[in-house]
C-alpha cells in the first residue's frame, strides 16, 4: 500500500509540474502574440502615413509647380498640340 501511495504521489507531482509548465508556456506565447498584434497595429499606422505621403507627393499641383520651377517645363501652346488617333490594328 505504501508503494502505491508513493507511486500516486509521484504521478501527482509529475502532473502538477506538467500543468505549471504548460501554463507558463501558454502565458509566454500569449505575451508574444500581444506583442505581434501591437507591431501589426504600428505597421498599419505607418502604412496609412505612407499612403497619405504618397498622395501628397503625387498631387498634380505639386508636380506642375516643380516641373515649372525646378525643371523649367511649361504647358505647350494649344496651337502646337496635335491629337493622334490610336490605330486599333496593332
PDB file of N, CA and C in Angstrom:
ATOM      1  N   UNK A   1       0.808  -1.186   0.000  1.00  0.00           N
ATOM      2  CA  UNK A   1       0.000   0.000   0.000  1.00  0.00           C
ATOM      3  C   UNK A   1       0.857   1.259   0.000  1.00  0.00           C
ATOM      4  N   UNK A   2       1.956   1.240   0.714  1.00  0.00           N
ATOM      5  CA  UNK A   2       2.843   2.401   0.791  1.00  0.00           C
ATOM      6  C   UNK A   2       3.468   2.671  -0.569  1.00  0.00           C
ATOM      7  N   UNK A   3       3.814   1.585  -1.276  1.00  0.00           N
ATOM      8  CA  UNK A   3       4.406   1.752  -2.613  1.00  0.00           C
ATOM      9  C   UNK A   3       3.400   2.393  -3.565  1.00  0.00           C
ATOM     10  N   UNK A   4       2.136   1.998  -3.441  1.00  0.00           N
ATOM     11  CA  UNK A   4       1.087   2.567  -4.283  1.00  0.00           C
ATOM     12  C   UNK A   4       0.904   4.052  -3.981  1.00  0.00           C
ATOM     13  N   UNK A   5       0.940   4.404  -2.687  1.00  0.00           N
ATOM     14  CA  UNK A   5       0.811   5.808  -2.297  1.00  0.00           C
ATOM     15  C   UNK A   5       1.972   6.633  -2.839  1.00  0.00           C
ATOM     16  N   UNK A   6       3.187   6.090  -2.770  1.00  0.00           N
ATOM     17  CA  UNK A   6       4.361   6.793  -3.300  1.00  0.00           C
ATOM     18  C   UNK A   6       4.264   6.944  -4.821  1.00  0.00           C
ATOM     19  N   UNK A   7       3.780   5.910  -5.477  1.00  0.00           N
ATOM     20  CA  UNK A   7       3.616   5.969  -6.929  1.00  0.00           C
ATOM     21  C   UNK A   7       2.580   7.018  -7.301  1.00  0.00           C
ATOM     22  N   UNK A   8       1.455   7.032  -6.595  1.00  0.00           N
ATOM     23  CA  UNK A   8       0.417   8.029  -6.854  1.00  0.00           C
ATOM     24  C   UNK A   8       0.912   9.443  -6.551  1.00  0.00           C
ATOM     25  N   UNK A   9       1.717   9.585  -5.505  1.00  0.00           N
ATOM     26  CA  UNK A   9       2.292  10.888  -5.180  1.00  0.00           C
ATOM     27  C   UNK A   9       3.235  11.357  -6.284  1.00  0.00           C
ATOM     28  N   UNK A  10       4.048  10.449  -6.813  1.00  0.00           N
ATOM     29  CA  UNK A  10       4.974  10.791  -7.898  1.00  0.00           C
ATOM     30  C   UNK A  10       4.201  11.194  -9.157  1.00  0.00           C
ATOM     31  N   UNK A  11       3.122  10.469  -9.462  1.00  0.00           N
ATOM     32  CA  UNK A  11       2.292  10.816 -10.624  1.00  0.00           C
ATOM     33  C   UNK A  11       1.641  12.174 -10.427  1.00  0.00           C
ATOM     34  N   UNK A  12       1.162  12.425  -9.194  1.00  0.00           N
ATOM     35  CA  UNK A  12       0.540  13.709  -8.880  1.00  0.00           C
ATOM     36  C   UNK A  12       1.538  14.862  -9.038  1.00  0.00           C
ATOM     37  N   UNK A  13       2.737  14.684  -8.541  1.00  0.00           N
ATOM     38  CA  UNK A  13       3.763  15.728  -8.663  1.00  0.00           C
ATOM     39  C   UNK A  13       4.123  15.940 -10.129  1.00  0.00           C
ATOM     40  N   UNK A  14       4.233  14.873 -10.890  1.00  0.00           N
ATOM     41  CA  UNK A  14       4.557  14.999 -12.315  1.00  0.00           C
ATOM     42  C   UNK A  14       3.445  15.742 -13.061  1.00  0.00           C
ATOM     43  N   UNK A  15       2.198  15.423 -12.750  1.00  0.00           N
ATOM     44  CA  UNK A  15       1.069  16.119 -13.383  1.00  0.00           C
ATOM     45  C   UNK A  15       1.049  17.591 -12.994  1.00  0.00           C
ATOM     46  N   UNK A  16       1.323  17.888 -11.738  1.00  0.00           N
ATOM     47  CA  UNK A  16       1.338  19.281 -11.278  1.00  0.00           C
ATOM     48  C   UNK A  16       2.443  20.068 -11.979  1.00  0.00           C
ATOM     49  N   UNK A  17       3.614  19.466 -12.099  1.00  0.00           N
ATOM     50  CA  UNK A  17       4.714  20.129 -12.808  1.00  0.00           C
ATOM     51  C   UNK A  17       4.378  20.334 -14.284  1.00  0.00           C
ATOM     52  N   UNK A  18       3.739  19.356 -14.883  1.00  0.00           N
ATOM     53  CA  UNK A  18       3.331  19.484 -16.279  1.00  0.00           C
ATOM     54  C   UNK A  18       2.316  20.603 -16.466  1.00  0.00           C
ATOM     55  N   UNK A  19       1.382  20.715 -15.536  1.00  0.00           N
ATOM     56  CA  UNK A  19       0.374  21.772 -15.597  1.00  0.00           C
ATOM     57  C   UNK A  19       1.011  23.147 -15.457  1.00  0.00           C
ATOM     58  N   UNK A  20       1.910  23.290 -14.500  1.00  0.00           N
ATOM     59  CA  UNK A  20       2.586  24.576 -14.297  1.00  0.00           C
ATOM     60  C   UNK A  20       3.411  24.938 -15.529  1.00  0.00           C
ATOM     61  N   UNK A  21       4.108  23.966 -16.076  1.00  0.00           N
ATOM     62  CA  UNK A  21       4.928  24.216 -17.256  1.00  0.00           C
ATOM     63  C   UNK A  21       4.073  24.624 -18.448  1.00  0.00           C
ATOM     64  N   UNK A  22       2.977  23.936 -18.666  1.00  0.00           N
ATOM     65  CA  UNK A  22       2.125  24.266 -19.810  1.00  0.00           C
ATOM     66  C   UNK A  22       1.474  25.634 -19.633  1.00  0.00           C
ATOM     67  N   UNK A  23       1.080  25.996 -18.418  1.00  0.00           N
ATOM     68  CA  UNK A  23       0.511  27.325 -18.183  1.00  0.00           C
ATOM     69  C   UNK A  23       1.554  28.419 -18.417  1.00  0.00           C
ATOM     70  N   UNK A  24       2.772  28.168 -17.994  1.00  0.00           N
ATOM     71  CA  UNK A  24       3.845  29.138 -18.202  1.00  0.00           C
ATOM     72  C   UNK A  24       4.108  29.342 -19.701  1.00  0.00           C
ATOM     73  N   UNK A  25       4.159  28.246 -20.442  1.00  0.00           N
ATOM     74  CA  UNK A  25       4.366  28.352 -21.893  1.00  0.00           C
ATOM     75  C   UNK A  25       3.204  29.086 -22.555  1.00  0.00           C
ATOM     76  N   UNK A  26       1.982  28.796 -22.111  1.00  0.00           N
ATOM     77  CA  UNK A  26       0.815  29.466 -22.690  1.00  0.00           C
ATOM     78  C   UNK A  26       0.865  30.965 -22.416  1.00  0.00           C
ATOM     79  N   UNK A  27       1.272  31.376 -21.237  1.00  0.00           N
ATOM     80  CA  UNK A  27       1.380  32.806 -20.914  1.00  0.00           C
ATOM     81  C   UNK A  27       2.470  33.473 -21.743  1.00  0.00           C
ATOM     82  N   UNK A  28       3.583  32.779 -21.914  1.00  0.00           N
ATOM     83  CA  UNK A  28       4.661  33.342 -22.744  1.00  0.00           C
ATOM     84  C   UNK A  28       4.203  33.498 -24.191  1.00  0.00           C
ATOM     85  N   UNK A  29       3.504  32.497 -24.715  1.00  0.00           N
ATOM     86  CA  UNK A  29       3.015  32.574 -26.087  1.00  0.00           C
ATOM     87  C   UNK A  29       1.960  33.666 -26.249  1.00  0.00           C
ATOM     88  N   UNK A  30       1.098  33.834 -25.257  1.00  0.00           N
ATOM     89  CA  UNK A  30       0.093  34.886 -25.317  1.00  0.00           C
ATOM     90  C   UNK A  30       0.755  36.259 -25.291  1.00  0.00           C
ATOM     91  N   UNK A  31       1.778  36.400 -24.478  1.00  0.00           N
ATOM     92  CA  UNK A  31       2.523  37.661 -24.416  1.00  0.00           C
ATOM     93  C   UNK A  31       3.179  37.965 -25.764  1.00  0.00           C
ATOM     94  N   UNK A  32       3.763  36.956 -26.380  1.00  0.00           N
ATOM     95  CA  UNK A  32       4.372  37.138 -27.697  1.00  0.00           C
ATOM     96  C   UNK A  32       3.315  37.500 -28.738  1.00  0.00           C
ATOM     97  N   UNK A  33       2.154  36.876 -28.658  1.00  0.00           N
ATOM     98  CA  UNK A  33       1.052  37.182 -29.576  1.00  0.00           C
ATOM     99  C   UNK A  33       0.607  38.637 -29.430  1.00  0.00           C
ATOM    100  N   UNK A  34       0.489  39.117 -28.200  1.00  0.00           N
ATOM    101  CA  UNK A  34       0.099  40.503 -27.958  1.00  0.00           C
ATOM    102  C   UNK A  34       1.146  41.470 -28.517  1.00  0.00           C
ATOM    103  N   UNK A  35       2.428  41.134 -28.362  1.00  0.00           N
ATOM    104  CA  UNK A  35       3.488  41.982 -28.938  1.00  0.00           C
ATOM    105  C   UNK A  35       3.372  42.040 -30.450  1.00  0.00           C
ATOM    106  N   UNK A  36       3.077  40.908 -31.080  1.00  0.00           N
ATOM    107  CA  UNK A  36       2.930  40.876 -32.540  1.00  0.00           C
ATOM    108  C   UNK A  36       1.701  41.661 -32.993  1.00  0.00           C
ATOM    109  N   UNK A  37       0.619  41.599 -32.213  1.00  0.00           N
ATOM    110  CA  UNK A  37      -0.571  42.399 -32.539  1.00  0.00           C
ATOM    111  C   UNK A  37      -0.249  43.892 -32.459  1.00  0.00           C
ATOM    112  N   UNK A  38       0.503  44.276 -31.438  1.00  0.00           N
ATOM    113  CA  UNK A  38       0.897  45.688 -31.297  1.00  0.00           C
ATOM    114  C   UNK A  38       1.786  46.108 -32.467  1.00  0.00           C
ATOM    115  N   UNK A  39       2.692  45.243 -32.855  1.00  0.00           N
ATOM    116  CA  UNK A  39       3.559  45.536 -34.006  1.00  0.00           C
ATOM    117  C   UNK A  39       2.728  45.677 -35.278  1.00  0.00           C
ATOM    118  N   UNK A  40       1.731  44.830 -35.444  1.00  0.00           N
ATOM    119  CA  UNK A  40       0.858  44.913 -36.616  1.00  0.00           C
ATOM    120  C   UNK A  40       0.084  46.228 -36.620  1.00  0.00           C
ATOM    121  N   UNK A  41      -0.380  46.664 -35.455  1.00  0.00           N
ATOM    122  CA  UNK A  41      -1.081  47.957 -35.372  1.00  0.00           C
ATOM    123  C   UNK A  41      -0.146  49.103 -35.740  1.00  0.00           C
ATOM    124  N   UNK A  42       1.098  49.052 -35.268  1.00  0.00           N
ATOM    125  CA  UNK A  42       2.078  50.087 -35.616  1.00  0.00           C
ATOM    126  C   UNK A  42       2.337  50.103 -37.118  1.00  0.00           C
ATOM    127  N   UNK A  43       2.423  48.929 -37.723  1.00  0.00           N
ATOM    128  CA  UNK A  43       2.641  48.862 -39.168  1.00  0.00           C
ATOM    129  C   UNK A  43       1.441  49.406 -39.930  1.00  0.00           C
ATOM    130  N   UNK A  44       0.227  49.168 -39.444  1.00  0.00           N
ATOM    131  CA  UNK A  44      -0.971  49.727 -40.078  1.00  0.00           C
ATOM    132  C   UNK A  44      -0.953  51.246 -40.039  1.00  0.00           C
ATOM    133  N   UNK A  45      -0.548  51.810 -38.893  1.00  0.00           N
ATOM    134  CA  UNK A  45      -0.473  53.268 -38.774  1.00  0.00           C
ATOM    135  C   UNK A  45       0.582  53.814 -39.728  1.00  0.00           C
ATOM    136  N   UNK A  46       1.729  53.165 -39.789  1.00  0.00           N
ATOM    137  CA  UNK A  46       2.796  53.620 -40.685  1.00  0.00           C
ATOM    138  C   UNK A  46       2.356  53.517 -42.145  1.00  0.00           C
ATOM    139  N   UNK A  47       1.636  52.461 -42.492  1.00  0.00           N
ATOM    140  CA  UNK A  47       1.142  52.300 -43.859  1.00  0.00           C
ATOM    141  C   UNK A  47       0.180  53.430 -44.216  1.00  0.00           C
ATOM    142  N   UNK A  48      -0.678  53.795 -43.285  1.00  0.00           N
ATOM    143  CA  UNK A  48      -1.588  54.922 -43.515  1.00  0.00           C
ATOM    144  C   UNK A  48      -0.833  56.217 -43.742  1.00  0.00           C
ATOM    145  N   UNK A  49       0.204  56.445 -42.931  1.00  0.00           N
ATOM    146  CA  UNK A  49       1.030  57.646 -43.115  1.00  0.00           C
ATOM    147  C   UNK A  49       1.705  57.639 -44.480  1.00  0.00           C
ATOM    148  N   UNK A  50       2.208  56.486 -44.882  1.00  0.00           N
ATOM    149  CA  UNK A  50       2.881  56.397 -46.177  1.00  0.00           C
ATOM    150  C   UNK A  50       1.913  56.627 -47.334  1.00  0.00           C
ATOM    151  N   UNK A  51       0.680  56.137 -47.198  1.00  0.00           N
ATOM    152  CA  UNK A  51      -0.313  56.385 -48.243  1.00  0.00           C
ATOM    153  C   UNK A  51      -0.623  57.875 -48.341  1.00  0.00           C
ATOM    154  N   UNK A  52      -0.762  58.533 -47.203  1.00  0.00           N
ATOM    155  CA  UNK A  52      -1.027  59.971 -47.194  1.00  0.00           C
ATOM    156  C   UNK A  52       0.140  60.736 -47.809  1.00  0.00           C
ATOM    157  N   UNK A  53       1.352  60.335 -47.458  1.00  0.00           N
ATOM    158  CA  UNK A  53       2.534  60.993 -48.007  1.00  0.00           C
ATOM    159  C   UNK A  53       2.618  60.784 -49.523  1.00  0.00           C
ATOM    160  N   UNK A  54       2.321  59.587 -49.987  1.00  0.00           N
ATOM    161  CA  UNK A  54       2.371  59.314 -51.428  1.00  0.00           C
ATOM    162  C   UNK A  54       1.330  60.135 -52.173  1.00  0.00           C
ATOM    163  N   UNK A  55       0.146  60.286 -51.601  1.00  0.00           N
ATOM    164  CA  UNK A  55      -0.877  61.086 -52.272  1.00  0.00           C
ATOM    165  C   UNK A  55      -0.480  62.561 -52.283  1.00  0.00           C
ATOM    166  N   UNK A  56       0.200  63.017 -51.228  1.00  0.00           N
ATOM    167  CA  UNK A  56       0.654  64.408 -51.191  1.00  0.00           C
ATOM    168  C   UNK A  56       1.743  64.653 -52.227  1.00  0.00           C
ATOM    169  N   UNK A  57       2.697  63.750 -52.309  1.00  0.00           N
ATOM    170  CA  UNK A  57       3.798  63.914 -53.267  1.00  0.00           C
ATOM    171  C   UNK A  57       3.310  63.843 -54.711  1.00  0.00           C
ATOM    172  N   UNK A  58       2.239  63.135 -54.956  1.00  0.00           N
ATOM    173  CA  UNK A  58       1.761  62.940 -56.319  1.00  0.00           C
ATOM    174  C   UNK A  58       0.683  63.900 -56.763  1.00  0.00           C
ATOM    175  N   UNK A  59       0.367  64.914 -55.950  1.00  0.00           N
ATOM    176  CA  UNK A  59      -0.673  65.860 -56.338  1.00  0.00           C
ATOM    177  C   UNK A  59      -0.258  66.608 -57.598  1.00  0.00           C
ATOM    178  N   UNK A  60      -1.248  66.813 -58.480  1.00  0.00           N
ATOM    179  CA  UNK A  60      -0.971  67.444 -59.770  1.00  0.00           C
ATOM    180  C   UNK A  60      -0.375  68.838 -59.590  1.00  0.00           C
ATOM    181  N   UNK A  61      -0.912  69.620 -58.653  1.00  0.00           N
ATOM    182  CA  UNK A  61      -0.421  70.988 -58.463  1.00  0.00           C
ATOM    183  C   UNK A  61       1.045  70.992 -58.034  1.00  0.00           C
ATOM    184  N   UNK A  62       1.438  70.054 -57.189  1.00  0.00           N
ATOM    185  CA  UNK A  62       2.831  69.983 -56.737  1.00  0.00           C
ATOM    186  C   UNK A  62       3.753  69.577 -57.879  1.00  0.00           C
ATOM    187  N   UNK A  63       3.326  68.578 -58.638  1.00  0.00           N
ATOM    188  CA  UNK A  63       4.144  68.128 -59.770  1.00  0.00           C
ATOM    189  C   UNK A  63       4.296  69.250 -60.791  1.00  0.00           C
ATOM    190  N   UNK A  64       3.205  69.970 -61.075  1.00  0.00           N
ATOM    191  CA  UNK A  64       3.268  71.071 -62.046  1.00  0.00           C
ATOM    192  C   UNK A  64       4.166  72.187 -61.534  1.00  0.00           C
ATOM    193  N   UNK A  65       4.100  72.494 -60.239  1.00  0.00           N
ATOM    194  CA  UNK A  65       4.940  73.550 -59.658  1.00  0.00           C
ATOM    195  C   UNK A  65       6.419  73.175 -59.751  1.00  0.00           C
ATOM    196  N   UNK A  66       6.754  71.944 -59.438  1.00  0.00           N
ATOM    197  CA  UNK A  66       8.154  71.508 -59.509  1.00  0.00           C
ATOM    198  C   UNK A  66       8.624  71.477 -60.956  1.00  0.00           C
ATOM    199  N   UNK A  67       7.756  71.001 -61.854  1.00  0.00           N
ATOM    200  CA  UNK A  67       8.139  70.947 -63.271  1.00  0.00           C
ATOM    201  C   UNK A  67       8.412  72.344 -63.805  1.00  0.00           C
ATOM    202  N   UNK A  68       7.597  73.315 -63.420  1.00  0.00           N
ATOM    203  CA  UNK A  68       7.801  74.680 -63.902  1.00  0.00           C
ATOM    204  C   UNK A  68       8.979  75.349 -63.214  1.00  0.00           C
ATOM    205  N   UNK A  69       9.090  75.204 -61.902  1.00  0.00           N
ATOM    206  CA  UNK A  69      10.135  75.908 -61.154  1.00  0.00           C
ATOM    207  C   UNK A  69      11.508  75.293 -61.293  1.00  0.00           C
ATOM    208  N   UNK A  70      11.616  74.027 -61.021  1.00  0.00           N
ATOM    209  CA  UNK A  70      12.917  73.371 -60.989  1.00  0.00           C
ATOM    210  C   UNK A  70      13.408  72.966 -62.379  1.00  0.00           C
ATOM    211  N   UNK A  71      12.528  72.391 -63.164  1.00  0.00           N
ATOM    212  CA  UNK A  71      12.935  71.851 -64.456  1.00  0.00           C
ATOM    213  C   UNK A  71      12.716  72.827 -65.608  1.00  0.00           C
ATOM    214  N   UNK A  72      11.986  73.903 -65.372  1.00  0.00           N
ATOM    215  CA  UNK A  72      11.745  74.884 -66.425  1.00  0.00           C
ATOM    216  C   UNK A  72      10.763  74.422 -67.482  1.00  0.00           C
ATOM    217  N   UNK A  73       9.929  73.459 -67.161  1.00  0.00           N
ATOM    218  CA  UNK A  73       8.948  72.972 -68.120  1.00  0.00           C
ATOM    219  C   UNK A  73       7.727  73.885 -68.108  1.00  0.00           C
ATOM    220  N   UNK A  74       7.015  73.909 -69.204  1.00  0.00           N
ATOM    221  CA  UNK A  74       5.802  74.712 -69.269  1.00  0.00           C
ATOM    222  C   UNK A  74       4.760  73.965 -70.088  1.00  0.00           C
ATOM    223  N   UNK A  75       3.508  74.386 -69.957  1.00  0.00           N
ATOM    224  CA  UNK A  75       2.430  73.782 -70.723  1.00  0.00           C
ATOM    225  C   UNK A  75       2.549  74.280 -72.154  1.00  0.00           C
ATOM    226  N   UNK A  76       2.495  73.406 -73.155  1.00  0.00           N
ATOM    227  CA  UNK A  76       2.650  73.839 -74.542  1.00  0.00           C
ATOM    228  C   UNK A  76       1.460  74.679 -74.998  1.00  0.00           C
ATOM    229  N   UNK A  77       1.726  75.531 -75.971  1.00  0.00           N
ATOM    230  CA  UNK A  77       0.671  76.356 -76.556  1.00  0.00           C
ATOM    231  C   UNK A  77      -0.335  75.436 -77.244  1.00  0.00           C
ATOM    232  N   UNK A  78      -1.618  75.766 -77.112  1.00  0.00           N
ATOM    233  CA  UNK A  78      -2.672  74.910 -77.661  1.00  0.00           C
ATOM    234  C   UNK A  78      -2.558  74.784 -79.178  1.00  0.00           C
ATOM    235  N   UNK A  79      -1.998  75.787 -79.855  1.00  0.00           N
ATOM    236  CA  UNK A  79      -1.845  75.720 -81.320  1.00  0.00           C
ATOM    237  C   UNK A  79      -0.781  74.707 -81.727  1.00  0.00           C
ATOM    238  N   UNK A  80       0.094  74.350 -80.812  1.00  0.00           N
ATOM    239  CA  UNK A  80       1.179  73.413 -81.152  1.00  0.00           C
ATOM    240  C   UNK A  80       0.864  71.974 -80.733  1.00  0.00           C
ATOM    241  N   UNK A  81      -0.291  71.756 -80.133  1.00  0.00           N
ATOM    242  CA  UNK A  81      -0.669  70.421 -79.684  1.00  0.00           C
ATOM    243  C   UNK A  81      -1.427  69.712 -80.794  1.00  0.00           C
ATOM    244  N   UNK A  82      -1.041  68.475 -81.062  1.00  0.00           N
ATOM    245  CA  UNK A  82      -1.728  67.653 -82.055  1.00  0.00           C
ATOM    246  C   UNK A  82      -2.220  66.384 -81.394  1.00  0.00           C
ATOM    247  N   UNK A  83      -3.433  66.030 -81.699  1.00  0.00           N
ATOM    248  CA  UNK A  83      -4.009  64.778 -81.193  1.00  0.00           C
ATOM    249  C   UNK A  83      -3.955  63.748 -82.293  1.00  0.00           C
ATOM    250  N   UNK A  84      -3.484  62.579 -81.982  1.00  0.00           N
ATOM    251  CA  UNK A  84      -3.364  61.497 -82.943  1.00  0.00           C
ATOM    252  C   UNK A  84      -4.372  60.423 -82.626  1.00  0.00           C
ATOM    253  N   UNK A  85      -4.956  59.863 -83.677  1.00  0.00           N
ATOM    254  CA  UNK A  85      -5.901  58.771 -83.498  1.00  0.00           C
ATOM    255  C   UNK A  85      -5.114  57.493 -83.216  1.00  0.00           C
ATOM    256  N   UNK A  86      -5.645  56.694 -82.347  1.00  0.00           N
ATOM    257  CA  UNK A  86      -4.968  55.440 -82.000  1.00  0.00           C
ATOM    258  C   UNK A  86      -5.340  54.389 -83.033  1.00  0.00           C
ATOM    259  N   UNK A  87      -4.329  53.700 -83.533  1.00  0.00           N
ATOM    260  CA  UNK A  87      -4.549  52.656 -84.530  1.00  0.00           C
ATOM    261  C   UNK A  87      -4.896  51.362 -83.795  1.00  0.00           C
ATOM    262  N   UNK A  88      -6.082  50.802 -84.067  1.00  0.00           N
ATOM    263  CA  UNK A  88      -6.532  49.587 -83.392  1.00  0.00           C
ATOM    264  C   UNK A  88      -5.995  48.307 -84.037  1.00  0.00           C
ATOM    265  N   UNK A  89      -5.288  48.391 -85.151  1.00  0.00           N
ATOM    266  CA  UNK A  89      -4.799  47.222 -85.857  1.00  0.00           C
ATOM    267  C   UNK A  89      -3.580  46.598 -85.184  1.00  0.00           C
ATOM    268  N   UNK A  90      -3.023  47.223 -84.216  1.00  0.00           N
ATOM    269  CA  UNK A  90      -1.802  46.702 -83.592  1.00  0.00           C
ATOM    270  C   UNK A  90      -2.126  45.494 -82.858  1.00  0.00           C
TER     271      UNK A  90
END
